Amino acid sequence: MAKPCNRSPSPRLVVAALMAALVLLSPDGAPVAEAVTCSATQLSSCVPAMTSSAPPSALCCSKMREQRPCLCEYIRNPNLRQYLTSADGKRVMRVCGVPYPTC
């Protein structure tokens, strides 16, 4: 009969497991499916809603949620800032369930 092993895991194994856990979690604790490529053109379907009182489309909301990690980058860009910081831009984020970022 084999004796049970009472050895602790090696420190390297513990560190590797912690690093893997950190890589797989985003800052808000949600699992990360894949890395987001920041591309403002991904939000082109939101332009009509951001420049008028039109409601955002389902595609717009999907892209807004996908590009959420990039919003601060877009807000810092002088060419994009006006769209995201406008009342309509903030409304689109709210309707899509994307909190306005604190950058």
N, C-alpha and C. Protein backbone atom coordinates (compact mmCIF):
# COMPACT_ATOMS: atom_id res chain seq x y z
N MET A 1 0.83 -1.17 0.00
CA MET A 1 0.00 0.00 0.00
C MET A 1 0.89 1.25 0.00
N ALA A 2 0.59 2.21 -0.85
CA ALA A 2 1.42 3.41 -0.98
C ALA A 2 1.09 4.38 0.14
N LYS A 3 2.13 5.05 0.64
CA LYS A 3 1.94 6.05 1.68
C LYS A 3 1.47 7.36 1.04
N PRO A 4 0.57 8.08 1.72
CA PRO A 4 0.16 9.38 1.19
C PRO A 4 1.33 10.35 1.24
N CYS A 5 1.40 11.22 0.27
CA CYS A 5 2.48 12.20 0.18
C CYS A 5 2.12 13.42 1.02
N ASN A 6 2.96 13.81 1.93
CA ASN A 6 2.71 14.95 2.79
C ASN A 6 3.55 16.17 2.39
N ARG A 7 4.12 16.14 1.20
CA ARG A 7 4.96 17.25 0.76
C ARG A 7 4.11 18.44 0.35
N SER A 8 4.60 19.63 0.66
CA SER A 8 3.95 20.86 0.21
C SER A 8 4.35 21.10 -1.23
N PRO A 9 3.49 21.82 -1.97
CA PRO A 9 3.88 22.14 -3.34
C PRO A 9 5.11 23.04 -3.33
N SER A 10 5.92 22.92 -4.34
CA SER A 10 7.14 23.73 -4.40
C SER A 10 6.77 25.21 -4.55
N PRO A 11 7.61 26.10 -4.03
CA PRO A 11 7.34 27.53 -4.17
C PRO A 11 7.20 27.96 -5.64
N ARG A 12 7.96 27.33 -6.52
CA ARG A 12 7.84 27.66 -7.94
C ARG A 12 6.46 27.33 -8.48
N LEU A 13 5.91 26.21 -8.07
CA LEU A 13 4.59 25.81 -8.51
C LEU A 13 3.54 26.78 -8.00
N VAL A 14 3.67 27.20 -6.76
CA VAL A 14 2.72 28.15 -6.17
C VAL A 14 2.78 29.48 -6.92
N VAL A 15 3.98 29.97 -7.18
CA VAL A 15 4.15 31.24 -7.90
C VAL A 15 3.58 31.12 -9.31
N ALA A 16 3.84 30.02 -9.98
CA ALA A 16 3.33 29.82 -11.34
C ALA A 16 1.80 29.81 -11.34
N ALA A 17 1.19 29.17 -10.36
CA ALA A 17 -0.27 29.12 -10.28
C ALA A 17 -0.84 30.52 -10.03
N LEU A 18 -0.21 31.29 -9.15
CA LEU A 18 -0.67 32.65 -8.89
C LEU A 18 -0.54 33.54 -10.12
N MET A 19 0.57 33.41 -10.82
CA MET A 19 0.77 34.21 -12.04
C MET A 19 -0.29 33.85 -13.08
N ALA A 20 -0.58 32.59 -13.23
CA ALA A 20 -1.60 32.17 -14.19
C ALA A 20 -2.96 32.75 -13.81
N ALA A 21 -3.28 32.75 -12.53
CA ALA A 21 -4.55 33.30 -12.07
C ALA A 21 -4.61 34.80 -12.35
N LEU A 22 -3.53 35.51 -12.13
CA LEU A 22 -3.51 36.95 -12.38
C LEU A 22 -3.64 37.27 -13.86
N VAL A 23 -3.04 36.47 -14.70
CA VAL A 23 -3.12 36.70 -16.14
C VAL A 23 -4.53 36.44 -16.64
N LEU A 24 -5.22 35.48 -16.05
CA LEU A 24 -6.54 35.10 -16.52
C LEU A 24 -7.66 35.97 -15.98
N LEU A 25 -7.36 36.87 -15.07
CA LEU A 25 -8.39 37.74 -14.52
C LEU A 25 -8.14 39.17 -14.94
N SER A 26 -9.21 39.85 -15.27
CA SER A 26 -9.09 41.27 -15.60
C SER A 26 -9.08 42.07 -14.31
N PRO A 27 -8.81 43.39 -14.38
CA PRO A 27 -8.77 44.20 -13.16
C PRO A 27 -10.05 44.16 -12.34
N ASP A 28 -11.21 43.97 -12.98
CA ASP A 28 -12.46 43.95 -12.22
C ASP A 28 -12.83 42.55 -11.75
N GLY A 29 -11.95 41.57 -11.97
CA GLY A 29 -12.17 40.23 -11.48
C GLY A 29 -12.91 39.32 -12.44
N ALA A 30 -13.36 39.86 -13.58
CA ALA A 30 -14.07 39.03 -14.54
C ALA A 30 -13.06 38.27 -15.39
N PRO A 31 -13.39 37.05 -15.77
CA PRO A 31 -12.46 36.29 -16.62
C PRO A 31 -12.25 37.00 -17.95
N VAL A 32 -11.06 36.93 -18.46
CA VAL A 32 -10.74 37.55 -19.74
C VAL A 32 -10.76 36.45 -20.79
N ALA A 33 -11.63 36.60 -21.79
CA ALA A 33 -11.72 35.60 -22.83
C ALA A 33 -10.56 35.75 -23.80
N GLU A 34 -10.28 36.97 -24.20
CA GLU A 34 -9.18 37.22 -25.10
C GLU A 34 -8.81 38.69 -24.99
N ALA A 35 -7.64 39.03 -25.42
CA ALA A 35 -7.19 40.42 -25.35
C ALA A 35 -7.96 41.26 -26.35
N VAL A 36 -8.27 42.48 -25.96
CA VAL A 36 -9.00 43.40 -26.84
C VAL A 36 -7.99 44.22 -27.63
N THR A 37 -8.22 44.33 -28.91
CA THR A 37 -7.42 45.21 -29.74
C THR A 37 -8.15 46.54 -29.79
N CYS A 38 -7.50 47.57 -29.27
CA CYS A 38 -8.13 48.89 -29.25
C CYS A 38 -8.12 49.47 -30.66
N SER A 39 -9.32 49.68 -31.16
CA SER A 39 -9.50 50.27 -32.49
C SER A 39 -10.78 51.08 -32.46
N ALA A 40 -10.64 52.39 -32.51
CA ALA A 40 -11.80 53.27 -32.43
C ALA A 40 -12.79 53.01 -33.56
N THR A 41 -12.33 52.49 -34.67
CA THR A 41 -13.25 52.20 -35.78
C THR A 41 -14.27 51.13 -35.39
N GLN A 42 -13.95 50.34 -34.36
CA GLN A 42 -14.90 49.34 -33.88
C GLN A 42 -16.18 50.00 -33.33
N LEU A 43 -16.09 51.28 -32.98
CA LEU A 43 -17.25 52.00 -32.44
C LEU A 43 -17.99 52.79 -33.51
N SER A 44 -17.68 52.57 -34.78
CA SER A 44 -18.33 53.33 -35.85
C SER A 44 -19.84 53.13 -35.86
N SER A 45 -20.32 51.98 -35.43
CA SER A 45 -21.77 51.75 -35.38
C SER A 45 -22.44 52.60 -34.30
N CYS A 46 -21.66 53.22 -33.43
CA CYS A 46 -22.20 54.06 -32.36
C CYS A 46 -22.28 55.53 -32.76
N VAL A 47 -21.64 55.91 -33.86
CA VAL A 47 -21.60 57.33 -34.23
C VAL A 47 -22.98 57.94 -34.37
N PRO A 48 -23.95 57.29 -35.04
CA PRO A 48 -25.27 57.91 -35.14
C PRO A 48 -25.89 58.21 -33.76
N ALA A 49 -25.73 57.30 -32.83
CA ALA A 49 -26.30 57.50 -31.49
C ALA A 49 -25.51 58.53 -30.69
N MET A 50 -24.21 58.64 -30.95
CA MET A 50 -23.38 59.60 -30.23
C MET A 50 -23.49 61.02 -30.77
N THR A 51 -24.04 61.16 -31.95
CA THR A 51 -24.16 62.49 -32.55
C THR A 51 -25.61 62.95 -32.67
N SER A 52 -26.53 62.19 -32.10
CA SER A 52 -27.95 62.57 -32.12
C SER A 52 -28.62 61.89 -30.92
N SER A 53 -29.91 62.00 -30.88
CA SER A 53 -30.64 61.35 -29.79
C SER A 53 -31.11 59.95 -30.17
N ALA A 54 -30.61 59.43 -31.29
CA ALA A 54 -30.99 58.09 -31.73
C ALA A 54 -30.52 57.05 -30.71
N PRO A 55 -31.31 56.01 -30.52
CA PRO A 55 -30.88 54.95 -29.58
C PRO A 55 -29.73 54.15 -30.18
N PRO A 56 -28.84 53.66 -29.33
CA PRO A 56 -27.75 52.83 -29.85
C PRO A 56 -28.27 51.48 -30.33
N SER A 57 -27.67 50.99 -31.39
CA SER A 57 -28.06 49.68 -31.92
C SER A 57 -27.47 48.57 -31.05
N ALA A 58 -27.96 47.37 -31.26
CA ALA A 58 -27.41 46.21 -30.53
C ALA A 58 -25.93 46.03 -30.88
N LEU A 59 -25.57 46.25 -32.15
CA LEU A 59 -24.17 46.13 -32.56
C LEU A 59 -23.33 47.18 -31.85
N CYS A 60 -23.85 48.40 -31.77
CA CYS A 60 -23.13 49.47 -31.06
C CYS A 60 -22.86 49.06 -29.62
N CYS A 61 -23.88 48.58 -28.93
CA CYS A 61 -23.71 48.19 -27.52
C CYS A 61 -22.72 47.04 -27.38
N SER A 62 -22.78 46.10 -28.28
CA SER A 62 -21.84 44.98 -28.25
C SER A 62 -20.42 45.47 -28.41
N LYS A 63 -20.20 46.36 -29.37
CA LYS A 63 -18.86 46.90 -29.61
C LYS A 63 -18.42 47.80 -28.46
N MET A 64 -19.34 48.55 -27.88
CA MET A 64 -19.01 49.43 -26.75
C MET A 64 -18.53 48.59 -25.57
N ARG A 65 -19.23 47.49 -25.30
CA ARG A 65 -18.80 46.60 -24.20
C ARG A 65 -17.45 45.96 -24.52
N GLU A 66 -17.26 45.58 -25.76
CA GLU A 66 -15.99 44.96 -26.18
C GLU A 66 -14.83 45.94 -26.05
N GLN A 67 -15.06 47.18 -26.39
CA GLN A 67 -14.00 48.19 -26.39
C GLN A 67 -13.88 48.92 -25.05
N ARG A 68 -14.62 48.50 -24.05
CA ARG A 68 -14.59 49.15 -22.73
C ARG A 68 -13.18 49.36 -22.19
N PRO A 69 -12.27 48.38 -22.29
CA PRO A 69 -10.92 48.60 -21.76
C PRO A 69 -10.16 49.72 -22.49
N CYS A 70 -10.66 50.15 -23.63
CA CYS A 70 -9.97 51.14 -24.45
C CYS A 70 -10.54 52.54 -24.30
N LEU A 71 -11.63 52.69 -23.57
CA LEU A 71 -12.33 53.97 -23.55
C LEU A 71 -11.47 55.12 -23.03
N CYS A 72 -10.65 54.90 -22.02
CA CYS A 72 -9.78 55.98 -21.53
C CYS A 72 -8.81 56.43 -22.61
N GLU A 73 -8.29 55.48 -23.36
CA GLU A 73 -7.38 55.81 -24.46
C GLU A 73 -8.11 56.71 -25.47
N TYR A 74 -9.36 56.37 -25.77
CA TYR A 74 -10.13 57.15 -26.74
C TYR A 74 -10.46 58.54 -26.18
N ILE A 75 -10.77 58.61 -24.90
CA ILE A 75 -11.10 59.89 -24.27
C ILE A 75 -9.88 60.81 -24.28
N ARG A 76 -8.70 60.26 -24.15
CA ARG A 76 -7.47 61.07 -24.17
C ARG A 76 -7.12 61.56 -25.57
N ASN A 77 -7.71 60.95 -26.58
CA ASN A 77 -7.44 61.32 -27.96
C ASN A 77 -8.29 62.55 -28.31
N PRO A 78 -7.66 63.69 -28.65
CA PRO A 78 -8.41 64.92 -28.94
C PRO A 78 -9.42 64.75 -30.09
N ASN A 79 -9.16 63.84 -31.01
CA ASN A 79 -10.08 63.64 -32.13
C ASN A 79 -11.31 62.82 -31.74
N LEU A 80 -11.23 62.06 -30.68
CA LEU A 80 -12.34 61.19 -30.27
C LEU A 80 -13.07 61.68 -29.02
N ARG A 81 -12.36 62.46 -28.22
CA ARG A 81 -12.89 62.90 -26.91
C ARG A 81 -14.31 63.44 -27.01
N GLN A 82 -14.56 64.30 -27.99
CA GLN A 82 -15.86 64.97 -28.09
C GLN A 82 -17.02 63.98 -28.20
N TYR A 83 -16.79 62.85 -28.83
CA TYR A 83 -17.86 61.87 -29.00
C TYR A 83 -18.17 61.14 -27.70
N LEU A 84 -17.15 60.80 -26.95
CA LEU A 84 -17.34 60.02 -25.73
C LEU A 84 -17.72 60.86 -24.53
N THR A 85 -17.30 62.12 -24.50
CA THR A 85 -17.60 62.95 -23.34
C THR A 85 -18.87 63.77 -23.51
N SER A 86 -19.46 63.74 -24.70
CA SER A 86 -20.71 64.47 -24.92
C SER A 86 -21.85 63.81 -24.15
N ALA A 87 -22.92 64.56 -23.99
CA ALA A 87 -24.11 64.02 -23.30
C ALA A 87 -24.62 62.78 -24.02
N ASP A 88 -24.63 62.82 -25.36
CA ASP A 88 -25.10 61.66 -26.12
C ASP A 88 -24.13 60.48 -25.99
N GLY A 89 -22.83 60.75 -25.96
CA GLY A 89 -21.85 59.68 -25.78
C GLY A 89 -22.03 58.99 -24.43
N LYS A 90 -22.23 59.79 -23.40
CA LYS A 90 -22.45 59.23 -22.06
C LYS A 90 -23.77 58.46 -22.01
N ARG A 91 -24.80 58.97 -22.72
CA ARG A 91 -26.09 58.27 -22.77
C ARG A 91 -25.93 56.91 -23.43
N VAL A 92 -25.16 56.86 -24.51
CA VAL A 92 -24.95 55.58 -25.22
C VAL A 92 -24.29 54.59 -24.27
N MET A 93 -23.27 55.02 -23.55
CA MET A 93 -22.61 54.11 -22.60
C MET A 93 -23.60 53.63 -21.54
N ARG A 94 -24.40 54.55 -21.01
CA ARG A 94 -25.37 54.19 -19.97
C ARG A 94 -26.39 53.19 -20.50
N VAL A 95 -26.95 53.47 -21.68
CA VAL A 95 -27.95 52.57 -22.28
C VAL A 95 -27.34 51.20 -22.56
N CYS A 96 -26.09 51.18 -22.95
CA CYS A 96 -25.41 49.91 -23.27
C CYS A 96 -24.90 49.19 -22.02
N GLY A 97 -25.05 49.82 -20.85
CA GLY A 97 -24.61 49.16 -19.62
C GLY A 97 -23.11 49.24 -19.40
N VAL A 98 -22.47 50.23 -20.02
CA VAL A 98 -21.03 50.42 -19.87
C VAL A 98 -20.82 51.64 -18.97
N PRO A 99 -20.26 51.46 -17.79
CA PRO A 99 -20.04 52.62 -16.92
C PRO A 99 -19.04 53.59 -17.53
N TYR A 100 -19.30 54.88 -17.33
CA TYR A 100 -18.37 55.88 -17.83
C TYR A 100 -17.04 55.69 -17.07
N PRO A 101 -15.94 55.61 -17.81
CA PRO A 101 -14.66 55.31 -17.15
C PRO A 101 -14.12 56.48 -16.32
N THR A 102 -13.42 56.14 -15.28
CA THR A 102 -12.66 57.15 -14.53
C THR A 102 -11.21 56.97 -14.94
N CYS A 103 -10.75 57.91 -15.72
CA CYS A 103 -9.41 57.80 -16.30
C CYS A 103 -8.40 58.61 -15.49
